[in-house]
Amino acid sequence: MTLKSPIYLDKYTTFELEELLKNSTTPVILLPVGSVEPHGPHLTLATDTLISVSAAEVAVDKLADKGITALIAPAVPYGVTNCAAQFKGAVTVEPEALSVFLCSIMKGLFNNGFVHCCVINNHLEPEQDQAVREAVKRQDQGTASIASPLTRRWARTLTDEYKKGECHAGQYETSIILAGASESVRKNLMEKLERVPVSLSEQITSGVTDFLEMGMQQAYAGSPAGASVEEGLDTLDKLAEMICTEVVECL
């Protein structure tokens, strides 16, 4: 029986990684990005990072089916987290600092022999999105792509709740975490939470950038109680397809 190779970069020794890179024609690295941010009473502060990592895990197998070797780099767990600033656990970094850091990470990955880096971002605060895009724009060694459901191309493939903008720790995100990291869900609390009909996209477009001002008194929007593993698995498959497409189109 042949053991399956690890999918995480940091699970390799230096010599194992050297061998893998030598035997791969187009080695790809997936870089999950998230945030340390409040996600209601039922999800942990690591939620956005967990979503990016879970989607990357599914994408590795999809890319392998296309003959592409991909590994997952250690995730970047800090992001631009200003909207939730009034809640404990919101840890933000300056957009410029995030851009420089991500660009530096990509440079290091390319120097090791990876030919493409896909930055996977599921913390959808506008300044975070801009910082990630600036980082990709700045790097000039290999090719890089961004897998983010913020773009219309991918947003339209996702759930109705996501399309409404009620997608902060609601049914959309809670389902993904149930499927990808169920131990991080406080199920006894999730089941009791009522819907909070706040569209983050509409609020941000109108200039409101604070969760409390939006009406998110418990740092969530949407319907967490409606979450399911089945929906989460389906959404992860769609997010993984997004990653694969972004990678393939850049190779």
Protein backbone atom coordinates (compact mmCIF):
# COMPACT_ATOMS: atom_id res chain seq x y z
CA MET A 1 0.00 0.00 0.00
CA THR A 2 1.42 3.41 -1.02
CA LEU A 3 0.97 6.19 1.51
CA LYS A 4 -0.52 9.38 0.14
CA SER A 5 1.92 12.30 0.08
CA PRO A 6 1.24 15.14 2.53
CA ILE A 7 -0.64 18.11 1.10
CA TYR A 8 0.80 20.66 3.53
CA LEU A 9 4.14 22.30 2.76
CA ASP A 10 5.26 22.31 6.38
CA LYS A 11 4.78 18.54 6.72
CA TYR A 12 7.73 17.92 4.38
CA THR A 13 11.40 17.74 5.24
CA THR A 14 13.70 19.85 3.10
CA PHE A 15 14.89 16.80 1.14
CA GLU A 16 11.37 15.47 0.57
CA LEU A 17 10.32 18.86 -0.76
CA GLU A 18 13.36 19.03 -3.03
CA GLU A 19 12.42 15.65 -4.51
CA LEU A 20 8.79 16.65 -5.03
CA LEU A 21 9.73 19.90 -6.77
CA LYS A 22 12.27 18.14 -8.96
CA ASN A 23 9.65 15.67 -10.16
CA SER A 24 6.89 18.24 -10.78
CA THR A 25 6.69 20.19 -14.03
CA THR A 26 4.31 22.84 -12.68
CA PRO A 27 4.45 22.82 -8.87
CA VAL A 28 1.71 25.04 -7.46
CA ILE A 29 1.42 26.46 -3.97
CA LEU A 30 -1.91 27.47 -2.41
CA LEU A 31 -1.71 30.25 0.18
CA PRO A 32 -4.78 30.45 2.44
CA VAL A 33 -5.50 33.85 3.95
CA GLY A 34 -8.02 34.67 6.64
CA SER A 35 -8.48 36.83 9.72
CA VAL A 36 -8.73 36.79 13.48
CA GLU A 37 -12.29 38.06 13.72
CA PRO A 38 -15.47 37.57 15.78
CA HIS A 39 -18.00 35.28 14.11
CA GLY A 40 -21.01 35.26 16.39
CA PRO A 41 -21.39 33.26 19.60
CA HIS A 42 -21.10 29.95 17.75
CA LEU A 43 -18.01 30.15 15.50
CA THR A 44 -14.40 30.76 16.46
CA LEU A 45 -12.16 33.71 15.63
CA ALA A 46 -10.34 31.54 13.08
CA THR A 47 -13.40 31.01 10.87
CA ASP A 48 -12.24 32.81 7.72
CA THR A 49 -8.86 31.08 7.84
CA LEU A 50 -10.52 27.69 8.32
CA ILE A 51 -12.71 28.31 5.27
CA SER A 52 -9.69 29.11 3.11
CA VAL A 53 -7.79 26.06 4.35
CA SER A 54 -10.78 23.71 3.93
CA ALA A 55 -11.35 24.89 0.36
CA ALA A 56 -7.64 24.46 -0.39
CA GLU A 57 -7.75 20.87 0.85
CA VAL A 58 -10.50 20.00 -1.61
CA ALA A 59 -8.74 21.89 -4.40
CA VAL A 60 -5.52 19.88 -4.03
CA ASP A 61 -7.34 16.70 -5.08
CA LYS A 62 -9.11 18.45 -7.94
CA LEU A 63 -5.81 19.80 -9.23
CA ALA A 64 -4.21 16.35 -8.91
CA ASP A 65 -6.97 14.99 -11.15
CA LYS A 66 -5.77 17.50 -13.76
CA GLY A 67 -2.17 16.37 -13.37
CA ILE A 68 -1.14 19.42 -11.33
CA THR A 69 0.88 19.01 -8.15
CA ALA A 70 -0.23 21.46 -5.47
CA LEU A 71 0.69 21.96 -1.83
CA ILE A 72 -0.89 24.15 0.83
CA ALA A 73 1.36 26.72 2.48
CA PRO A 74 0.92 27.60 6.15
CA ALA A 75 -2.06 29.94 6.34
CA VAL A 76 -1.80 33.66 7.05
CA PRO A 77 -4.30 34.07 9.91
CA TYR A 78 -4.17 37.84 10.38
CA GLY A 79 -5.97 40.30 8.15
CA VAL A 80 -7.61 43.71 7.93
CA THR A 81 -10.39 43.37 10.49
CA ASN A 82 -11.93 46.76 11.19
CA CYS A 83 -15.67 46.07 10.85
CA ALA A 84 -15.71 43.93 13.99
CA ALA A 85 -13.41 46.22 15.99
CA GLN A 86 -15.93 46.72 18.82
CA PHE A 87 -15.95 43.00 19.62
CA LYS A 88 -13.24 41.22 21.60
CA GLY A 89 -11.00 39.09 19.43
CA ALA A 90 -10.85 41.39 16.43
CA VAL A 91 -7.14 41.65 15.61
CA THR A 92 -6.41 43.87 12.64
CA VAL A 93 -3.28 44.73 10.67
CA GLU A 94 -2.66 47.66 8.37
CA PRO A 95 -3.50 46.94 4.71
CA GLU A 96 -0.02 47.99 3.58
CA ALA A 97 1.60 45.65 6.12
CA LEU A 98 -0.52 42.76 4.87
CA SER A 99 0.33 43.49 1.23
CA VAL A 100 4.06 43.64 1.91
CA PHE A 101 3.96 40.47 4.02
CA LEU A 102 2.00 38.47 1.43
CA CYS A 103 4.27 39.68 -1.36
CA SER A 104 7.32 38.63 0.66
CA ILE A 105 5.84 35.18 1.32
CA MET A 106 5.16 34.68 -2.39
CA LYS A 107 8.73 35.70 -3.20
CA GLY A 108 10.03 33.08 -0.78
CA LEU A 109 7.78 30.40 -2.24
CA PHE A 110 8.85 31.19 -5.80
CA ASN A 111 12.50 31.14 -4.72
CA ASN A 112 11.96 27.55 -3.60
CA GLY A 113 10.81 26.48 -7.04
CA PHE A 114 7.03 26.84 -7.10
CA VAL A 115 5.87 28.29 -10.41
CA HIS A 116 2.45 29.55 -9.36
CA CYS A 117 0.88 30.81 -6.14
CA CYS A 118 -2.86 31.05 -5.65
CA VAL A 119 -3.85 33.30 -2.75
CA ILE A 120 -7.12 32.04 -1.27
CA ASN A 121 -8.98 34.77 0.59
CA ASN A 122 -12.24 34.28 2.46
CA HIS A 123 -12.12 37.34 4.70
CA LEU A 124 -14.16 39.62 2.50
CA GLU A 125 -13.68 43.03 4.11
CA PRO A 126 -12.99 45.46 1.23
CA GLU A 127 -9.63 46.67 2.56
CA GLN A 128 -8.51 43.06 2.95
CA ASP A 129 -9.46 42.31 -0.64
CA GLN A 130 -7.59 45.38 -1.85
CA ALA A 131 -4.49 44.44 0.18
CA VAL A 132 -4.44 40.92 -1.26
CA ARG A 133 -4.82 42.21 -4.82
CA GLU A 134 -2.06 44.75 -4.27
CA ALA A 135 0.26 41.99 -3.04
CA VAL A 136 -0.34 39.90 -6.15
CA LYS A 137 0.14 42.94 -8.37
CA ARG A 138 3.49 43.73 -6.73
CA GLN A 139 5.13 40.31 -7.05
CA ASP A 140 7.18 39.83 -10.20
CA GLN A 141 8.75 36.36 -10.04
CA GLY A 142 6.27 33.58 -10.77
CA THR A 143 2.61 33.78 -11.72
CA ALA A 144 0.00 34.44 -9.07
CA SER A 145 -3.77 34.34 -8.88
CA ILE A 146 -6.46 35.18 -6.36
CA ALA A 147 -9.32 32.86 -5.46
CA SER A 148 -12.00 34.97 -3.79
CA PRO A 149 -15.80 34.66 -3.86
CA LEU A 150 -16.10 38.45 -3.89
CA THR A 151 -15.93 38.59 -7.67
CA ARG A 152 -19.22 38.35 -9.53
CA ARG A 153 -17.91 35.40 -11.54
CA TRP A 154 -17.76 33.21 -8.43
CA ALA A 155 -20.36 34.87 -6.19
CA ARG A 156 -23.15 33.85 -8.55
CA THR A 157 -22.24 30.16 -8.07
CA LEU A 158 -22.79 30.28 -4.30
CA THR A 159 -25.81 30.07 -2.00
CA ASP A 160 -28.79 32.40 -1.87
CA GLU A 161 -27.76 33.68 1.55
CA TYR A 162 -24.32 34.56 0.22
CA LYS A 163 -25.83 36.40 -2.74
CA LYS A 164 -28.00 38.44 -0.34
CA GLY A 165 -24.90 39.52 1.55
CA GLU A 166 -26.09 37.93 4.81
CA CYS A 167 -22.93 35.90 4.92
CA HIS A 168 -21.06 36.61 8.13
CA ALA A 169 -21.28 33.57 10.41
CA GLY A 170 -24.71 32.79 8.98
CA GLN A 171 -25.90 29.66 7.21
CA TYR A 172 -23.27 30.00 4.46
CA GLU A 173 -20.18 30.16 6.66
CA THR A 174 -21.50 27.95 9.44
CA SER A 175 -22.28 25.19 6.92
CA ILE A 176 -18.72 25.35 5.58
CA ILE A 177 -17.25 25.06 9.08
CA LEU A 178 -19.60 22.18 9.94
CA ALA A 179 -18.25 20.36 6.88
CA GLY A 180 -14.59 21.32 7.17
CA ALA A 181 -13.88 21.90 10.87
CA SER A 182 -16.93 20.80 12.86
CA GLU A 183 -15.10 20.90 16.18
CA SER A 184 -15.02 24.69 15.83
CA VAL A 185 -18.82 25.04 15.90
CA ARG A 186 -20.69 25.57 19.18
CA LYS A 187 -23.68 23.57 17.94
CA ASN A 188 -25.77 24.08 21.08
CA LEU A 189 -25.63 27.83 20.50
CA MET A 190 -25.91 27.69 16.72
CA GLU A 191 -29.26 25.92 16.86
CA LYS A 192 -30.84 28.70 18.95
CA LEU A 193 -29.74 31.70 16.92
CA GLU A 194 -32.41 33.65 15.05
CA ARG A 195 -31.89 35.12 11.61
CA VAL A 196 -30.28 38.54 11.46
CA PRO A 197 -31.38 40.04 8.11
CA VAL A 198 -28.40 42.33 7.54
CA SER A 199 -26.75 42.48 4.12
CA LEU A 200 -23.10 43.34 4.67
CA SER A 201 -22.62 44.16 1.01
CA GLU A 202 -25.47 46.70 1.06
CA GLN A 203 -24.32 48.21 4.35
CA ILE A 204 -20.71 48.60 3.24
CA THR A 205 -21.79 50.07 -0.10
CA SER A 206 -23.86 52.65 1.78
CA GLY A 207 -20.86 53.60 3.92
CA VAL A 208 -21.61 51.67 7.13
CA THR A 209 -18.51 49.72 8.15
CA ASP A 210 -19.16 48.80 11.78
CA PHE A 211 -20.97 45.59 12.74
CA LEU A 212 -22.88 47.21 15.60
CA GLU A 213 -24.03 50.08 13.41
CA MET A 214 -25.18 47.52 10.85
CA GLY A 215 -27.38 45.85 13.48
CA MET A 216 -25.18 42.81 14.07
CA GLN A 217 -25.35 42.90 17.86
CA GLN A 218 -23.82 39.43 18.21
CA ALA A 219 -21.34 39.74 15.33
CA TYR A 220 -23.28 37.60 12.88
CA ALA A 221 -25.71 38.02 10.00
CA GLY A 222 -27.89 35.46 8.26
CA SER A 223 -29.34 32.21 9.62
CA PRO A 224 -26.79 30.03 11.45
CA ALA A 225 -29.48 27.63 12.67
CA GLY A 226 -30.16 26.56 9.08
CA ALA A 227 -26.60 25.38 8.49
CA SER A 228 -25.86 21.80 7.44
CA VAL A 229 -22.90 19.61 6.58
CA GLU A 230 -24.45 18.87 3.19
CA GLU A 231 -24.60 22.54 2.23
CA GLY A 232 -21.07 23.02 3.52
CA LEU A 233 -19.68 20.19 1.41
CA ASP A 234 -21.42 21.54 -1.68
CA THR A 235 -20.07 25.04 -1.06
CA LEU A 236 -16.55 23.76 -0.43
CA ASP A 237 -16.70 21.94 -3.75
CA LYS A 238 -17.65 25.20 -5.48
CA LEU A 239 -14.90 27.14 -3.71
CA ALA A 240 -12.40 24.44 -4.67
CA GLU A 241 -13.54 24.65 -8.28
CA MET A 242 -12.95 28.40 -8.11
CA ILE A 243 -9.39 27.78 -6.91
CA CYS A 244 -8.70 25.20 -9.62
CA THR A 245 -10.00 27.44 -12.37
CA GLU A 246 -7.95 30.42 -11.21
CA VAL A 247 -4.82 28.23 -11.10
CA VAL A 248 -5.34 26.52 -14.45
CA GLU A 249 -6.07 29.80 -16.24
CA CYS A 250 -2.71 31.18 -15.08
CA LEU A 251 -0.51 28.20 -15.92
